[in-house]
PDB file of all heavy atoms in Angstrom:
ATOM      1  N   LYS A   1       3.629  12.442 -21.315  1.00  0.00           N
ATOM      2  CA  LYS A   1       3.549  13.851 -21.704  1.00  0.00           C
ATOM      3  C   LYS A   1       3.398  14.764 -20.487  1.00  0.00           C
ATOM      4  O   LYS A   1       4.001  15.825 -20.417  1.00  0.00           O
ATOM      5  CB  LYS A   1       2.352  14.045 -22.652  1.00  0.00           C
ATOM      6  CG  LYS A   1       2.144  15.475 -23.087  1.00  0.00           C
ATOM      7  CD  LYS A   1       0.898  15.590 -23.947  1.00  0.00           C
ATOM      8  CE  LYS A   1       0.550  17.048 -24.131  1.00  0.00           C
ATOM      9  NZ  LYS A   1      -0.843  17.230 -24.528  1.00  0.00           N
ATOM     10  N   GLU A   2       2.591  14.361 -19.530  1.00  0.00           N
ATOM     11  CA  GLU A   2       2.257  15.220 -18.388  1.00  0.00           C
ATOM     12  C   GLU A   2       3.335  15.264 -17.325  1.00  0.00           C
ATOM     13  O   GLU A   2       3.421  16.227 -16.583  1.00  0.00           O
ATOM     14  CB  GLU A   2       0.929  14.775 -17.771  1.00  0.00           C
ATOM     15  CG  GLU A   2      -0.265  14.872 -18.717  1.00  0.00           C
ATOM     16  CD  GLU A   2      -0.494  16.279 -19.252  1.00  0.00           C
ATOM     17  OE1 GLU A   2      -0.218  17.267 -18.548  1.00  0.00           O
ATOM     18  OE2 GLU A   2      -0.965  16.375 -20.405  1.00  0.00           O
ATOM     19  N   ALA A   3       4.152  14.227 -17.227  1.00  0.00           N
ATOM     20  CA  ALA A   3       5.187  14.189 -16.194  1.00  0.00           C
ATOM     21  C   ALA A   3       6.486  13.607 -16.746  1.00  0.00           C
ATOM     22  O   ALA A   3       6.979  12.589 -16.266  1.00  0.00           O
ATOM     23  CB  ALA A   3       4.711  13.399 -14.983  1.00  0.00           C
ATOM     24  N   PRO A   4       7.055  14.243 -17.755  1.00  0.00           N
ATOM     25  CA  PRO A   4       8.258  13.659 -18.379  1.00  0.00           C
ATOM     26  C   PRO A   4       9.426  13.529 -17.432  1.00  0.00           C
ATOM     27  O   PRO A   4      10.216  12.593 -17.533  1.00  0.00           O
ATOM     28  CB  PRO A   4       8.556  14.628 -19.535  1.00  0.00           C
ATOM     29  CG  PRO A   4       7.861  15.896 -19.193  1.00  0.00           C
ATOM     30  CD  PRO A   4       6.666  15.508 -18.377  1.00  0.00           C
ATOM     31  N   GLU A   5       9.530  14.439 -16.464  1.00  0.00           N
ATOM     32  CA  GLU A   5      10.644  14.370 -15.501  1.00  0.00           C
ATOM     33  C   GLU A   5      10.559  13.106 -14.643  1.00  0.00           C
ATOM     34  O   GLU A   5      11.557  12.461 -14.379  1.00  0.00           O
ATOM     35  CB  GLU A   5      10.676  15.611 -14.600  1.00  0.00           C
ATOM     36  CG  GLU A   5      10.799  16.915 -15.338  1.00  0.00           C
ATOM     37  CD  GLU A   5       9.457  17.517 -15.802  1.00  0.00           C
ATOM     38  OE1 GLU A   5       8.380  16.880 -15.574  1.00  0.00           O
ATOM     39  OE2 GLU A   5       9.484  18.580 -16.412  1.00  0.00           O
ATOM     40  N   ALA A   6       9.362  12.766 -14.243  1.00  0.00           N
ATOM     41  CA  ALA A   6       9.169  11.547 -13.454  1.00  0.00           C
ATOM     42  C   ALA A   6       9.392  10.307 -14.296  1.00  0.00           C
ATOM     43  O   ALA A   6      10.023   9.336 -13.861  1.00  0.00           O
ATOM     44  CB  ALA A   6       7.765  11.522 -12.851  1.00  0.00           C
ATOM     45  N   MET A   7       8.914  10.346 -15.529  1.00  0.00           N
ATOM     46  CA  MET A   7       9.029   9.184 -16.402  1.00  0.00           C
ATOM     47  C   MET A   7      10.495   8.889 -16.748  1.00  0.00           C
ATOM     48  O   MET A   7      10.837   7.717 -16.982  1.00  0.00           O
ATOM     49  CB  MET A   7       8.183   9.369 -17.666  1.00  0.00           C
ATOM     50  CG  MET A   7       6.690   9.437 -17.381  1.00  0.00           C
ATOM     51  SD  MET A   7       6.073   8.083 -16.334  1.00  0.00           S
ATOM     52  CE  MET A   7       6.453   6.665 -17.329  1.00  0.00           C
ATOM     53  N   VAL A   8      11.340   9.901 -16.759  1.00  0.00           N
ATOM     54  CA  VAL A   8      12.770   9.681 -17.007  1.00  0.00           C
ATOM     55  C   VAL A   8      13.331   8.713 -15.961  1.00  0.00           C
ATOM     56  O   VAL A   8      14.101   7.807 -16.280  1.00  0.00           O
ATOM     57  CB  VAL A   8      13.550  11.015 -16.970  1.00  0.00           C
ATOM     58  CG1 VAL A   8      15.037  10.809 -16.820  1.00  0.00           C
ATOM     59  CG2 VAL A   8      13.228  11.832 -18.212  1.00  0.00           C
ATOM     60  N   HIS A   9      12.909   8.870 -14.725  1.00  0.00           N
ATOM     61  CA  HIS A   9      13.409   8.015 -13.641  1.00  0.00           C
ATOM     62  C   HIS A   9      12.854   6.587 -13.727  1.00  0.00           C
ATOM     63  O   HIS A   9      13.600   5.623 -13.521  1.00  0.00           O
ATOM     64  CB  HIS A   9      13.121   8.643 -12.288  1.00  0.00           C
ATOM     65  CG  HIS A   9      13.789   9.971 -12.115  1.00  0.00           C
ATOM     66  ND1 HIS A   9      15.139  10.113 -11.961  1.00  0.00           N
ATOM     67  CD2 HIS A   9      13.278  11.230 -12.169  1.00  0.00           C
ATOM     68  CE1 HIS A   9      15.454  11.392 -11.887  1.00  0.00           C
ATOM     69  NE2 HIS A   9      14.339  12.088 -12.008  1.00  0.00           N
ATOM     70  N   ILE A  10      11.594   6.478 -14.042  1.00  0.00           N
ATOM     71  CA  ILE A  10      11.018   5.141 -14.200  1.00  0.00           C
ATOM     72  C   ILE A  10      11.651   4.427 -15.386  1.00  0.00           C
ATOM     73  O   ILE A  10      11.992   3.238 -15.323  1.00  0.00           O
ATOM     74  CB  ILE A  10       9.474   5.219 -14.338  1.00  0.00           C
ATOM     75  CG1 ILE A  10       8.872   5.727 -13.024  1.00  0.00           C
ATOM     76  CG2 ILE A  10       8.894   3.862 -14.710  1.00  0.00           C
ATOM     77  CD1 ILE A  10       7.391   6.000 -13.088  1.00  0.00           C
ATOM     78  N   MET A  11      11.855   5.159 -16.466  1.00  0.00           N
ATOM     79  CA  MET A  11      12.490   4.565 -17.643  1.00  0.00           C
ATOM     80  C   MET A  11      13.956   4.203 -17.382  1.00  0.00           C
ATOM     81  O   MET A  11      14.468   3.251 -17.986  1.00  0.00           O
ATOM     82  CB  MET A  11      12.340   5.480 -18.848  1.00  0.00           C
ATOM     83  CG  MET A  11      10.881   5.644 -19.311  1.00  0.00           C
ATOM     84  SD  MET A  11       9.963   4.097 -19.523  1.00  0.00           S
ATOM     85  CE  MET A  11      10.802   3.404 -20.941  1.00  0.00           C
ATOM     86  N   ALA A  12      14.599   4.926 -16.482  1.00  0.00           N
ATOM     87  CA  ALA A  12      15.975   4.553 -16.103  1.00  0.00           C
ATOM     88  C   ALA A  12      15.973   3.196 -15.409  1.00  0.00           C
ATOM     89  O   ALA A  12      16.871   2.376 -15.635  1.00  0.00           O
ATOM     90  CB  ALA A  12      16.598   5.622 -15.203  1.00  0.00           C
ATOM     91  N   MET A  13      14.967   2.942 -14.580  1.00  0.00           N
ATOM     92  CA  MET A  13      14.850   1.610 -13.946  1.00  0.00           C
ATOM     93  C   MET A  13      14.567   0.553 -15.005  1.00  0.00           C
ATOM     94  O   MET A  13      15.109  -0.554 -14.951  1.00  0.00           O
ATOM     95  CB  MET A  13      13.768   1.605 -12.878  1.00  0.00           C
ATOM     96  CG  MET A  13      14.202   2.140 -11.541  1.00  0.00           C
ATOM     97  SD  MET A  13      15.560   1.174 -10.812  1.00  0.00           S
ATOM     98  CE  MET A  13      14.768  -0.381 -10.555  1.00  0.00           C
ATOM     99  N   GLU A  14      13.721   0.873 -15.987  1.00  0.00           N
ATOM    100  CA  GLU A  14      13.460  -0.057 -17.104  1.00  0.00           C
ATOM    101  C   GLU A  14      14.753  -0.372 -17.840  1.00  0.00           C
ATOM    102  O   GLU A  14      15.018  -1.528 -18.188  1.00  0.00           O
ATOM    103  CB  GLU A  14      12.459   0.547 -18.091  1.00  0.00           C
ATOM    104  CG  GLU A  14      11.033   0.304 -17.780  1.00  0.00           C
ATOM    105  CD  GLU A  14      10.604  -1.153 -17.811  1.00  0.00           C
ATOM    106  OE1 GLU A  14      11.182  -1.981 -18.568  1.00  0.00           O
ATOM    107  OE2 GLU A  14       9.703  -1.482 -17.055  1.00  0.00           O
ATOM    108  N   LYS A  15      15.550   0.645 -18.073  1.00  0.00           N
ATOM    109  CA  LYS A  15      16.822   0.452 -18.766  1.00  0.00           C
ATOM    110  C   LYS A  15      17.737  -0.469 -17.955  1.00  0.00           C
ATOM    111  O   LYS A  15      18.415  -1.343 -18.496  1.00  0.00           O
ATOM    112  CB  LYS A  15      17.497   1.797 -18.999  1.00  0.00           C
ATOM    113  CG  LYS A  15      18.759   1.728 -19.812  1.00  0.00           C
ATOM    114  CD  LYS A  15      19.337   3.120 -20.066  1.00  0.00           C
ATOM    115  CE  LYS A  15      20.637   3.014 -20.842  1.00  0.00           C
ATOM    116  NZ  LYS A  15      21.244   4.314 -21.088  1.00  0.00           N
ATOM    117  N   TYR A  16      17.747  -0.288 -16.622  1.00  0.00           N
ATOM    118  CA  TYR A  16      18.561  -1.143 -15.763  1.00  0.00           C
ATOM    119  C   TYR A  16      18.086  -2.606 -15.869  1.00  0.00           C
ATOM    120  O   TYR A  16      18.904  -3.509 -16.044  1.00  0.00           O
ATOM    121  CB  TYR A  16      18.481  -0.663 -14.303  1.00  0.00           C
ATOM    122  CG  TYR A  16      19.214  -1.579 -13.351  1.00  0.00           C
ATOM    123  CD1 TYR A  16      20.612  -1.565 -13.303  1.00  0.00           C
ATOM    124  CD2 TYR A  16      18.536  -2.452 -12.519  1.00  0.00           C
ATOM    125  CE1 TYR A  16      21.300  -2.414 -12.449  1.00  0.00           C
ATOM    126  CE2 TYR A  16      19.220  -3.295 -11.672  1.00  0.00           C
ATOM    127  CZ  TYR A  16      20.607  -3.271 -11.642  1.00  0.00           C
ATOM    128  OH  TYR A  16      21.265  -4.130 -10.797  1.00  0.00           O
ATOM    129  N   VAL A  17      16.791  -2.824 -15.793  1.00  0.00           N
ATOM    130  CA  VAL A  17      16.236  -4.176 -15.883  1.00  0.00           C
ATOM    131  C   VAL A  17      16.565  -4.787 -17.251  1.00  0.00           C
ATOM    132  O   VAL A  17      16.996  -5.938 -17.341  1.00  0.00           O
ATOM    133  CB  VAL A  17      14.727  -4.190 -15.598  1.00  0.00           C
ATOM    134  CG1 VAL A  17      14.100  -5.526 -15.979  1.00  0.00           C
ATOM    135  CG2 VAL A  17      14.452  -3.863 -14.125  1.00  0.00           C
ATOM    136  N   LYS A  18      16.409  -4.020 -18.311  1.00  0.00           N
ATOM    137  CA  LYS A  18      16.739  -4.521 -19.655  1.00  0.00           C
ATOM    138  C   LYS A  18      18.224  -4.850 -19.767  1.00  0.00           C
ATOM    139  O   LYS A  18      18.596  -5.811 -20.430  1.00  0.00           O
ATOM    140  CB  LYS A  18      16.314  -3.505 -20.722  1.00  0.00           C
ATOM    141  CG  LYS A  18      14.832  -3.492 -20.932  1.00  0.00           C
ATOM    142  CD  LYS A  18      14.415  -2.512 -22.011  1.00  0.00           C
ATOM    143  CE  LYS A  18      12.897  -2.533 -22.119  1.00  0.00           C
ATOM    144  NZ  LYS A  18      12.389  -1.639 -23.123  1.00  0.00           N
ATOM    145  N   SER A  19      19.079  -4.079 -19.081  1.00  0.00           N
ATOM    146  CA  SER A  19      20.510  -4.357 -19.129  1.00  0.00           C
ATOM    147  C   SER A  19      20.834  -5.672 -18.427  1.00  0.00           C
ATOM    148  O   SER A  19      21.732  -6.399 -18.833  1.00  0.00           O
ATOM    149  CB  SER A  19      21.328  -3.202 -18.523  1.00  0.00           C
ATOM    150  OG  SER A  19      21.259  -3.205 -17.108  1.00  0.00           O
ATOM    151  N   LEU A  20      20.100  -5.994 -17.370  1.00  0.00           N
ATOM    152  CA  LEU A  20      20.303  -7.269 -16.674  1.00  0.00           C
ATOM    153  C   LEU A  20      20.012  -8.437 -17.616  1.00  0.00           C
ATOM    154  O   LEU A  20      20.722  -9.442 -17.606  1.00  0.00           O
ATOM    155  CB  LEU A  20      19.366  -7.381 -15.461  1.00  0.00           C
ATOM    156  CG  LEU A  20      19.541  -6.397 -14.330  1.00  0.00           C
ATOM    157  CD1 LEU A  20      18.427  -6.562 -13.311  1.00  0.00           C
ATOM    158  CD2 LEU A  20      20.920  -6.560 -13.696  1.00  0.00           C
ATOM    159  N   ILE A  21      18.973  -8.265 -18.411  1.00  0.00           N
ATOM    160  CA  ILE A  21      18.581  -9.320 -19.356  1.00  0.00           C
ATOM    161  C   ILE A  21      19.590  -9.392 -20.496  1.00  0.00           C
ATOM    162  O   ILE A  21      20.053 -10.479 -20.854  1.00  0.00           O
ATOM    163  CB  ILE A  21      17.145  -9.066 -19.855  1.00  0.00           C
ATOM    164  CG1 ILE A  21      16.170  -9.245 -18.682  1.00  0.00           C
ATOM    165  CG2 ILE A  21      16.797  -9.991 -21.008  1.00  0.00           C
ATOM    166  CD1 ILE A  21      14.781  -8.684 -18.910  1.00  0.00           C
ATOM    167  N   SER A  22      19.943  -8.247 -21.050  1.00  0.00           N
ATOM    168  CA  SER A  22      20.848  -8.253 -22.214  1.00  0.00           C
ATOM    169  C   SER A  22      22.255  -8.725 -21.871  1.00  0.00           C
ATOM    170  O   SER A  22      22.914  -9.332 -22.695  1.00  0.00           O
ATOM    171  CB  SER A  22      20.887  -6.890 -22.896  1.00  0.00           C
ATOM    172  OG  SER A  22      21.472  -5.926 -22.053  1.00  0.00           O
ATOM    173  N   ASN A  23      22.700  -8.488 -20.635  1.00  0.00           N
ATOM    174  CA  ASN A  23      24.044  -8.965 -20.274  1.00  0.00           C
ATOM    175  C   ASN A  23      24.040 -10.371 -19.705  1.00  0.00           C
ATOM    176  O   ASN A  23      25.069 -10.893 -19.299  1.00  0.00           O
ATOM    177  CB  ASN A  23      24.764  -7.981 -19.332  1.00  0.00           C
ATOM    178  CG  ASN A  23      24.227  -7.975 -17.909  1.00  0.00           C
ATOM    179  OD1 ASN A  23      23.605  -8.927 -17.460  1.00  0.00           O
ATOM    180  ND2 ASN A  23      24.454  -6.869 -17.203  1.00  0.00           N
ATOM    181  N   GLY A  24      22.860 -10.985 -19.655  1.00  0.00           N
ATOM    182  CA  GLY A  24      22.764 -12.381 -19.253  1.00  0.00           C
ATOM    183  C   GLY A  24      22.696 -12.635 -17.772  1.00  0.00           C
ATOM    184  O   GLY A  24      22.691 -13.789 -17.329  1.00  0.00           O
ATOM    185  N   SER A  25      22.615 -11.591 -16.959  1.00  0.00           N
ATOM    186  CA  SER A  25      22.568 -11.824 -15.512  1.00  0.00           C
ATOM    187  C   SER A  25      21.140 -12.080 -15.005  1.00  0.00           C
ATOM    188  O   SER A  25      20.953 -12.456 -13.849  1.00  0.00           O
ATOM    189  CB  SER A  25      23.208 -10.673 -14.751  1.00  0.00           C
ATOM    190  OG  SER A  25      22.535  -9.467 -14.966  1.00  0.00           O
TER     191      SER A  25
END
């Protein structure tokens, strides 16, 4: 809530890591 702009970037890294797992790499 307090830093949504920063959290967007951290969550983008989370999305990248999740994509590595979901695509099997």
